[in-house]
Amino acid sequence: MPGAYRIEVMHGVNLNMLGRRDPEHYGTLTLMQLEQHISEFAAELDLEVRFLQTNAESEFIEHLQGLIGMADGLVLNPGAWSHYSWAIRDALEIAALPAVEVHLSDVKAREEWRRVSVVEELCVASICGKGVEGYKEALQVLHAELEKARA
């Protein structure tokens, strides 16, 4: 039986401020606490996870480009970059990995500019408004997608 799937979890701009930023939309967990929950969810599914958080768009892009051959799938929350970064979209397309977009808040019910995602059409799924549980769902969706591809 092949080994566990390697999943990269990428957090973008301002996610390092979780726990301090508008708890009504983003909850009270810090990024470290969120990543602990994600690690626990991943272990339940026998997934290996690695994390990146950056506020530098170029670092996010370079990391995406470097995942080719290093990861089997991707969970990404680009933050505000989701709404306008065509460069991140292009890097995601080049990486050609199964990906799930996640947002802690319900971006579809917030300001109009937040309702647009330039990466959504490249993703297997887009999950928003479910807080930390959205990451669990994203890992489940990604695991199912990878299993389907393996079959």
N, C-alpha and C. Protein backbone atom coordinates (compact mmCIF):
# COMPACT_ATOMS: atom_id res chain seq x y z
N MET A 1 0.85 -1.19 0.00
CA MET A 1 0.00 0.00 0.00
C MET A 1 0.88 1.24 0.00
N PRO A 2 0.58 2.21 -0.86
CA PRO A 2 1.37 3.44 -0.91
C PRO A 2 1.30 4.19 0.42
N GLY A 3 2.28 5.08 0.64
CA GLY A 3 2.33 5.86 1.87
C GLY A 3 1.23 6.90 1.94
N ALA A 4 1.23 7.63 3.03
CA ALA A 4 0.24 8.68 3.26
C ALA A 4 0.39 9.78 2.20
N TYR A 5 -0.71 10.41 1.91
CA TYR A 5 -0.68 11.55 0.99
C TYR A 5 0.00 12.73 1.68
N ARG A 6 0.77 13.48 0.90
CA ARG A 6 1.46 14.67 1.41
C ARG A 6 0.61 15.89 1.05
N ILE A 7 0.14 16.58 2.07
CA ILE A 7 -0.74 17.73 1.87
C ILE A 7 -0.06 19.00 2.37
N GLU A 8 -0.02 19.96 1.52
CA GLU A 8 0.52 21.28 1.88
C GLU A 8 -0.66 22.17 2.26
N VAL A 9 -0.57 22.80 3.42
CA VAL A 9 -1.60 23.73 3.88
C VAL A 9 -0.97 25.12 3.86
N MET A 10 -1.50 25.98 2.98
CA MET A 10 -0.92 27.30 2.78
C MET A 10 -1.87 28.39 3.26
N HIS A 11 -1.36 29.19 4.18
CA HIS A 11 -2.12 30.31 4.72
C HIS A 11 -1.50 31.60 4.20
N GLY A 12 -2.34 32.47 3.69
CA GLY A 12 -1.84 33.70 3.12
C GLY A 12 -1.91 34.88 4.07
N VAL A 13 -2.03 36.00 3.45
CA VAL A 13 -1.92 37.31 4.09
C VAL A 13 -2.88 37.47 5.27
N ASN A 14 -2.35 37.97 6.36
CA ASN A 14 -3.05 38.32 7.60
C ASN A 14 -3.50 37.14 8.44
N LEU A 15 -3.29 35.91 7.97
CA LEU A 15 -3.72 34.77 8.79
C LEU A 15 -2.84 34.58 10.02
N ASN A 16 -1.68 35.20 10.03
CA ASN A 16 -0.85 35.18 11.23
C ASN A 16 -1.49 36.00 12.36
N MET A 17 -2.52 36.76 12.05
CA MET A 17 -3.19 37.60 13.04
C MET A 17 -4.44 36.94 13.62
N LEU A 18 -4.67 35.67 13.30
CA LEU A 18 -5.81 34.97 13.87
C LEU A 18 -5.71 35.01 15.40
N GLY A 19 -6.86 35.13 16.03
CA GLY A 19 -6.90 35.25 17.48
C GLY A 19 -6.94 36.70 17.92
N ARG A 20 -6.49 37.59 17.04
CA ARG A 20 -6.52 39.03 17.31
C ARG A 20 -7.46 39.75 16.35
N ARG A 21 -7.73 39.13 15.24
CA ARG A 21 -8.49 39.76 14.17
C ARG A 21 -9.96 39.41 14.26
N ASP A 22 -10.82 40.36 14.27
CA ASP A 22 -12.28 40.25 14.22
C ASP A 22 -12.81 38.84 14.50
N PRO A 23 -12.96 38.49 15.80
CA PRO A 23 -13.39 37.13 16.14
C PRO A 23 -14.77 36.76 15.60
N GLU A 24 -15.61 37.75 15.32
CA GLU A 24 -16.93 37.46 14.76
C GLU A 24 -16.81 36.75 13.41
N HIS A 25 -15.82 37.13 12.62
CA HIS A 25 -15.63 36.53 11.31
C HIS A 25 -14.62 35.38 11.33
N TYR A 26 -13.59 35.51 12.16
CA TYR A 26 -12.47 34.58 12.07
C TYR A 26 -12.31 33.66 13.28
N GLY A 27 -13.14 33.81 14.30
CA GLY A 27 -13.03 32.98 15.49
C GLY A 27 -11.93 33.47 16.42
N THR A 28 -11.67 32.69 17.44
CA THR A 28 -10.71 33.11 18.46
C THR A 28 -9.42 32.30 18.45
N LEU A 29 -9.34 31.27 17.62
CA LEU A 29 -8.12 30.46 17.56
C LEU A 29 -6.97 31.24 16.96
N THR A 30 -5.78 31.02 17.49
CA THR A 30 -4.58 31.56 16.86
C THR A 30 -4.21 30.67 15.68
N LEU A 31 -3.30 31.12 14.86
CA LEU A 31 -2.84 30.31 13.74
C LEU A 31 -2.22 29.01 14.25
N MET A 32 -1.45 29.08 15.32
CA MET A 32 -0.83 27.88 15.87
C MET A 32 -1.90 26.88 16.33
N GLN A 33 -2.94 27.37 16.98
CA GLN A 33 -4.03 26.49 17.41
C GLN A 33 -4.77 25.90 16.22
N LEU A 34 -5.02 26.73 15.20
CA LEU A 34 -5.68 26.25 13.99
C LEU A 34 -4.85 25.13 13.35
N GLU A 35 -3.55 25.33 13.24
CA GLU A 35 -2.69 24.32 12.63
C GLU A 35 -2.65 23.05 13.47
N GLN A 36 -2.76 23.16 14.77
CA GLN A 36 -2.83 21.97 15.63
C GLN A 36 -4.08 21.16 15.31
N HIS A 37 -5.22 21.86 15.17
CA HIS A 37 -6.47 21.18 14.81
C HIS A 37 -6.35 20.52 13.44
N ILE A 38 -5.77 21.23 12.49
CA ILE A 38 -5.60 20.67 11.14
C ILE A 38 -4.72 19.42 11.20
N SER A 39 -3.66 19.46 11.98
CA SER A 39 -2.77 18.29 12.13
C SER A 39 -3.54 17.10 12.69
N GLU A 40 -4.40 17.35 13.67
CA GLU A 40 -5.20 16.28 14.26
C GLU A 40 -6.18 15.70 13.24
N PHE A 41 -6.84 16.59 12.47
CA PHE A 41 -7.76 16.12 11.43
C PHE A 41 -7.00 15.28 10.41
N ALA A 42 -5.82 15.75 10.01
CA ALA A 42 -5.02 15.06 9.01
C ALA A 42 -4.61 13.67 9.50
N ALA A 43 -4.22 13.57 10.76
CA ALA A 43 -3.81 12.27 11.32
C ALA A 43 -4.96 11.27 11.26
N GLU A 44 -6.18 11.73 11.49
CA GLU A 44 -7.35 10.85 11.41
C GLU A 44 -7.50 10.24 10.01
N LEU A 45 -7.05 10.97 9.00
CA LEU A 45 -7.17 10.53 7.61
C LEU A 45 -5.87 9.94 7.07
N ASP A 46 -4.87 9.80 7.94
CA ASP A 46 -3.55 9.32 7.54
C ASP A 46 -2.93 10.21 6.46
N LEU A 47 -3.02 11.50 6.67
CA LEU A 47 -2.42 12.48 5.77
C LEU A 47 -1.22 13.13 6.46
N GLU A 48 -0.17 13.36 5.71
CA GLU A 48 0.98 14.10 6.21
C GLU A 48 0.78 15.56 5.82
N VAL A 49 0.83 16.47 6.78
CA VAL A 49 0.63 17.89 6.47
C VAL A 49 1.87 18.70 6.79
N ARG A 50 2.09 19.69 5.96
CA ARG A 50 3.11 20.73 6.20
C ARG A 50 2.39 22.06 6.05
N PHE A 51 2.93 23.08 6.71
CA PHE A 51 2.27 24.38 6.74
C PHE A 51 3.19 25.49 6.25
N LEU A 52 2.56 26.47 5.64
CA LEU A 52 3.24 27.73 5.32
C LEU A 52 2.26 28.85 5.59
N GLN A 53 2.74 29.90 6.23
CA GLN A 53 1.99 31.15 6.32
C GLN A 53 2.94 32.25 5.93
N THR A 54 2.49 33.12 5.05
CA THR A 54 3.30 34.26 4.66
C THR A 54 2.41 35.44 4.32
N ASN A 55 2.97 36.62 4.54
CA ASN A 55 2.31 37.86 4.12
C ASN A 55 2.94 38.39 2.85
N ALA A 56 3.88 37.64 2.29
CA ALA A 56 4.57 38.06 1.06
C ALA A 56 4.02 37.26 -0.12
N GLU A 57 3.35 37.94 -1.01
CA GLU A 57 2.74 37.27 -2.16
C GLU A 57 3.77 36.50 -2.98
N SER A 58 4.95 37.08 -3.16
CA SER A 58 5.98 36.39 -3.95
C SER A 58 6.42 35.10 -3.28
N GLU A 59 6.50 35.07 -1.95
CA GLU A 59 6.86 33.85 -1.23
C GLU A 59 5.77 32.79 -1.40
N PHE A 60 4.52 33.20 -1.35
CA PHE A 60 3.40 32.28 -1.55
C PHE A 60 3.49 31.65 -2.94
N ILE A 61 3.76 32.46 -3.94
CA ILE A 61 3.87 32.00 -5.33
C ILE A 61 5.07 31.05 -5.49
N GLU A 62 6.22 31.45 -4.97
CA GLU A 62 7.41 30.61 -5.10
C GLU A 62 7.21 29.27 -4.38
N HIS A 63 6.52 29.29 -3.25
CA HIS A 63 6.25 28.05 -2.54
C HIS A 63 5.33 27.15 -3.38
N LEU A 64 4.30 27.72 -3.97
CA LEU A 64 3.42 26.95 -4.86
C LEU A 64 4.22 26.31 -5.98
N GLN A 65 5.10 27.07 -6.59
CA GLN A 65 5.90 26.55 -7.70
C GLN A 65 6.81 25.42 -7.25
N GLY A 66 7.27 25.49 -6.01
CA GLY A 66 8.17 24.47 -5.48
C GLY A 66 7.49 23.19 -5.04
N LEU A 67 6.17 23.14 -5.08
CA LEU A 67 5.45 21.96 -4.61
C LEU A 67 5.37 20.85 -5.64
N ILE A 68 5.72 21.14 -6.86
CA ILE A 68 5.64 20.13 -7.91
C ILE A 68 6.56 18.96 -7.52
N GLY A 69 5.97 17.78 -7.38
CA GLY A 69 6.72 16.61 -6.98
C GLY A 69 6.95 16.50 -5.48
N MET A 70 6.57 17.51 -4.72
CA MET A 70 6.79 17.52 -3.27
C MET A 70 5.51 17.32 -2.46
N ALA A 71 4.36 17.48 -3.10
CA ALA A 71 3.07 17.35 -2.41
C ALA A 71 2.09 16.65 -3.34
N ASP A 72 1.12 16.00 -2.73
CA ASP A 72 0.07 15.32 -3.50
C ASP A 72 -1.18 16.17 -3.63
N GLY A 73 -1.36 17.10 -2.71
CA GLY A 73 -2.54 17.94 -2.71
C GLY A 73 -2.30 19.18 -1.87
N LEU A 74 -3.26 20.07 -1.95
CA LEU A 74 -3.09 21.40 -1.38
C LEU A 74 -4.39 21.89 -0.77
N VAL A 75 -4.29 22.42 0.44
CA VAL A 75 -5.37 23.18 1.06
C VAL A 75 -4.85 24.59 1.17
N LEU A 76 -5.57 25.54 0.59
CA LEU A 76 -5.07 26.89 0.63
C LEU A 76 -6.12 27.89 1.07
N ASN A 77 -5.66 28.82 1.88
CA ASN A 77 -6.44 29.99 2.27
C ASN A 77 -5.56 31.19 1.96
N PRO A 78 -5.67 31.72 0.74
CA PRO A 78 -4.82 32.85 0.37
C PRO A 78 -5.23 34.16 1.04
N GLY A 79 -6.30 34.15 1.83
CA GLY A 79 -6.78 35.40 2.43
C GLY A 79 -7.25 36.34 1.33
N ALA A 80 -6.97 37.60 1.50
CA ALA A 80 -7.42 38.62 0.53
C ALA A 80 -6.88 38.39 -0.87
N TRP A 81 -5.76 37.69 -0.99
CA TRP A 81 -5.22 37.41 -2.33
C TRP A 81 -6.19 36.61 -3.17
N SER A 82 -7.08 35.87 -2.52
CA SER A 82 -8.08 35.08 -3.25
C SER A 82 -8.89 35.93 -4.21
N HIS A 83 -9.06 37.18 -3.85
CA HIS A 83 -9.98 38.05 -4.56
C HIS A 83 -9.36 38.78 -5.75
N TYR A 84 -8.03 38.77 -5.84
CA TYR A 84 -7.44 39.57 -6.92
C TYR A 84 -6.08 39.09 -7.44
N SER A 85 -5.46 38.10 -6.83
CA SER A 85 -4.10 37.75 -7.23
C SER A 85 -4.10 36.76 -8.40
N TRP A 86 -4.02 37.31 -9.58
CA TRP A 86 -3.93 36.48 -10.78
C TRP A 86 -2.59 35.74 -10.82
N ALA A 87 -1.58 36.30 -10.17
CA ALA A 87 -0.27 35.64 -10.12
C ALA A 87 -0.36 34.35 -9.29
N ILE A 88 -1.08 34.38 -8.17
CA ILE A 88 -1.27 33.17 -7.38
C ILE A 88 -2.12 32.18 -8.16
N ARG A 89 -3.12 32.65 -8.85
CA ARG A 89 -3.94 31.76 -9.68
C ARG A 89 -3.07 31.05 -10.71
N ASP A 90 -2.21 31.81 -11.40
CA ASP A 90 -1.33 31.21 -12.40
C ASP A 90 -0.39 30.18 -11.78
N ALA A 91 0.17 30.49 -10.61
CA ALA A 91 1.08 29.54 -9.94
C ALA A 91 0.33 28.27 -9.54
N LEU A 92 -0.90 28.42 -9.09
CA LEU A 92 -1.73 27.26 -8.73
C LEU A 92 -2.00 26.40 -9.96
N GLU A 93 -2.28 27.05 -11.07
CA GLU A 93 -2.53 26.32 -12.32
C GLU A 93 -1.27 25.56 -12.76
N ILE A 94 -0.12 26.20 -12.64
CA ILE A 94 1.14 25.57 -13.02
C ILE A 94 1.45 24.38 -12.12
N ALA A 95 1.20 24.53 -10.82
CA ALA A 95 1.46 23.44 -9.87
C ALA A 95 0.61 22.21 -10.20
N ALA A 96 -0.58 22.43 -10.72
CA ALA A 96 -1.48 21.36 -11.20
C ALA A 96 -1.73 20.29 -10.13
N LEU A 97 -1.88 20.73 -8.89
CA LEU A 97 -2.19 19.81 -7.79
C LEU A 97 -3.67 19.91 -7.46
N PRO A 98 -4.28 18.80 -7.04
CA PRO A 98 -5.65 18.92 -6.54
C PRO A 98 -5.63 19.86 -5.33
N ALA A 99 -6.53 20.82 -5.33
CA ALA A 99 -6.52 21.83 -4.28
C ALA A 99 -7.93 22.11 -3.79
N VAL A 100 -8.03 22.48 -2.52
CA VAL A 100 -9.28 22.93 -1.93
C VAL A 100 -9.02 24.30 -1.31
N GLU A 101 -9.84 25.25 -1.69
CA GLU A 101 -9.78 26.61 -1.14
C GLU A 101 -10.63 26.66 0.13
N VAL A 102 -10.10 27.27 1.18
CA VAL A 102 -10.82 27.38 2.45
C VAL A 102 -10.78 28.83 2.93
N HIS A 103 -11.91 29.28 3.46
CA HIS A 103 -11.98 30.58 4.14
C HIS A 103 -12.72 30.36 5.45
N LEU A 104 -12.18 30.88 6.53
CA LEU A 104 -12.81 30.73 7.84
C LEU A 104 -14.17 31.42 7.87
N SER A 105 -14.24 32.61 7.29
CA SER A 105 -15.50 33.36 7.29
C SER A 105 -16.29 33.04 6.03
N ASP A 106 -17.54 33.42 6.03
CA ASP A 106 -18.40 33.21 4.86
C ASP A 106 -18.22 34.38 3.90
N VAL A 107 -17.18 34.28 3.09
CA VAL A 107 -16.85 35.38 2.17
C VAL A 107 -17.97 35.64 1.16
N LYS A 108 -18.80 34.64 0.90
CA LYS A 108 -19.90 34.80 -0.06
C LYS A 108 -21.03 35.67 0.51
N ALA A 109 -21.03 35.87 1.82
CA ALA A 109 -22.08 36.67 2.47
C ALA A 109 -21.54 37.99 3.01
N ARG A 110 -20.31 38.31 2.66
CA ARG A 110 -19.69 39.54 3.16
C ARG A 110 -19.68 40.61 2.07
N GLU A 111 -18.74 41.52 2.12
CA GLU A 111 -18.66 42.59 1.14
C GLU A 111 -18.56 42.01 -0.27
N GLU A 112 -19.09 42.75 -1.21
CA GLU A 112 -19.14 42.26 -2.60
C GLU A 112 -17.76 41.87 -3.12
N TRP A 113 -16.73 42.66 -2.81
CA TRP A 113 -15.40 42.36 -3.34
C TRP A 113 -14.84 41.05 -2.80
N ARG A 114 -15.31 40.61 -1.62
CA ARG A 114 -14.84 39.35 -1.04
C ARG A 114 -15.51 38.14 -1.70
N ARG A 115 -16.58 38.34 -2.43
CA ARG A 115 -17.34 37.23 -3.01
C ARG A 115 -16.67 36.64 -4.24
N VAL A 116 -15.69 37.34 -4.78
CA VAL A 116 -14.97 36.89 -5.97
C VAL A 116 -13.73 36.12 -5.54
N SER A 117 -13.51 34.95 -6.15
CA SER A 117 -12.28 34.20 -5.93
C SER A 117 -11.67 33.88 -7.28
N VAL A 118 -10.46 34.33 -7.49
CA VAL A 118 -9.80 34.05 -8.76
C VAL A 118 -9.18 32.65 -8.79
N VAL A 119 -9.14 31.97 -7.65
CA VAL A 119 -8.58 30.61 -7.62
C VAL A 119 -9.65 29.53 -7.58
N GLU A 120 -10.87 29.89 -7.27
CA GLU A 120 -11.93 28.91 -7.05
C GLU A 120 -12.11 27.92 -8.20
N GLU A 121 -12.08 28.39 -9.43
CA GLU A 121 -12.34 27.48 -10.55
C GLU A 121 -11.23 26.45 -10.75
N LEU A 122 -10.07 26.67 -10.16
CA LEU A 122 -8.97 25.71 -10.25
C LEU A 122 -9.01 24.68 -9.13
N CYS A 123 -9.93 24.86 -8.19
CA CYS A 123 -9.98 24.01 -7.01
C CYS A 123 -11.07 22.95 -7.13
N VAL A 124 -10.83 21.83 -6.48
CA VAL A 124 -11.79 20.74 -6.40
C VAL A 124 -13.04 21.22 -5.66
N ALA A 125 -12.82 22.06 -4.65
CA ALA A 125 -13.92 22.60 -3.85
C ALA A 125 -13.47 23.92 -3.23
N SER A 126 -14.47 24.71 -2.86
CA SER A 126 -14.23 25.95 -2.12
C SER A 126 -15.16 25.92 -0.91
N ILE A 127 -14.57 26.00 0.27
CA ILE A 127 -15.32 25.87 1.52
C ILE A 127 -15.16 27.16 2.30
N CYS A 128 -16.29 27.76 2.67
CA CYS A 128 -16.19 29.01 3.43
C CYS A 128 -17.27 29.08 4.50
N GLY A 129 -16.93 29.82 5.54
CA GLY A 129 -17.90 30.09 6.59
C GLY A 129 -18.07 28.99 7.61
N LYS A 130 -17.17 28.03 7.63
CA LYS A 130 -17.31 26.91 8.58
C LYS A 130 -16.23 26.93 9.65
N GLY A 131 -15.46 28.01 9.71
CA GLY A 131 -14.42 28.10 10.72
C GLY A 131 -13.42 26.97 10.58
N VAL A 132 -12.92 26.49 11.73
CA VAL A 132 -11.92 25.43 11.74
C VAL A 132 -12.46 24.14 11.11
N GLU A 133 -13.75 23.90 11.23
CA GLU A 133 -14.35 22.70 10.63
C GLU A 133 -14.22 22.70 9.11
N GLY A 134 -14.11 23.88 8.51
CA GLY A 134 -13.91 23.97 7.07
C GLY A 134 -12.63 23.29 6.62
N TYR A 135 -11.60 23.35 7.47
CA TYR A 135 -10.34 22.68 7.15
C TYR A 135 -10.49 21.17 7.22
N LYS A 136 -11.25 20.69 8.20
CA LYS A 136 -11.50 19.25 8.29
C LYS A 136 -12.23 18.78 7.04
N GLU A 137 -13.25 19.53 6.64
CA GLU A 137 -13.99 19.18 5.42
C GLU A 137 -13.08 19.22 4.20
N ALA A 138 -12.21 20.22 4.14
CA ALA A 138 -11.28 20.34 3.01
C ALA A 138 -10.37 19.12 2.93
N LEU A 139 -9.85 18.67 4.06
CA LEU A 139 -9.00 17.49 4.06
C LEU A 139 -9.76 16.25 3.64
N GLN A 140 -11.01 16.14 4.06
CA GLN A 140 -11.84 15.00 3.67
C GLN A 140 -12.09 15.00 2.16
N VAL A 141 -12.43 16.17 1.63
CA VAL A 141 -12.67 16.29 0.18
C VAL A 141 -11.40 15.97 -0.60
N LEU A 142 -10.29 16.50 -0.14
CA LEU A 142 -9.02 16.28 -0.82
C LEU A 142 -8.61 14.80 -0.75
N HIS A 143 -8.79 14.19 0.40
CA HIS A 143 -8.47 12.77 0.55
C HIS A 143 -9.31 11.93 -0.42
N ALA A 144 -10.59 12.21 -0.50
CA ALA A 144 -11.48 11.48 -1.41
C ALA A 144 -11.04 11.68 -2.86
N GLU A 145 -10.66 12.88 -3.21
CA GLU A 145 -10.22 13.18 -4.57
C GLU A 145 -8.93 12.41 -4.89
N LEU A 146 -8.01 12.37 -3.96
CA LEU A 146 -6.76 11.65 -4.18
C LEU A 146 -6.99 10.14 -4.27
N GLU A 147 -7.90 9.62 -3.46
CA GLU A 147 -8.23 8.19 -3.51
C GLU A 147 -8.87 7.84 -4.85
N LYS A 148 -9.73 8.72 -5.33
CA LYS A 148 -10.40 8.51 -6.63
C LYS A 148 -9.35 8.46 -7.74
N ALA A 149 -8.37 9.36 -7.68
CA ALA A 149 -7.33 9.40 -8.69
C ALA A 149 -6.42 8.17 -8.62
N ARG A 150 -6.22 7.65 -7.41
CA ARG A 150 -5.36 6.48 -7.21
C ARG A 150 -6.01 5.21 -7.74
N ALA A 151 -7.34 5.15 -7.68
CA ALA A 151 -8.08 3.93 -8.07
C ALA A 151 -7.98 3.62 -9.56
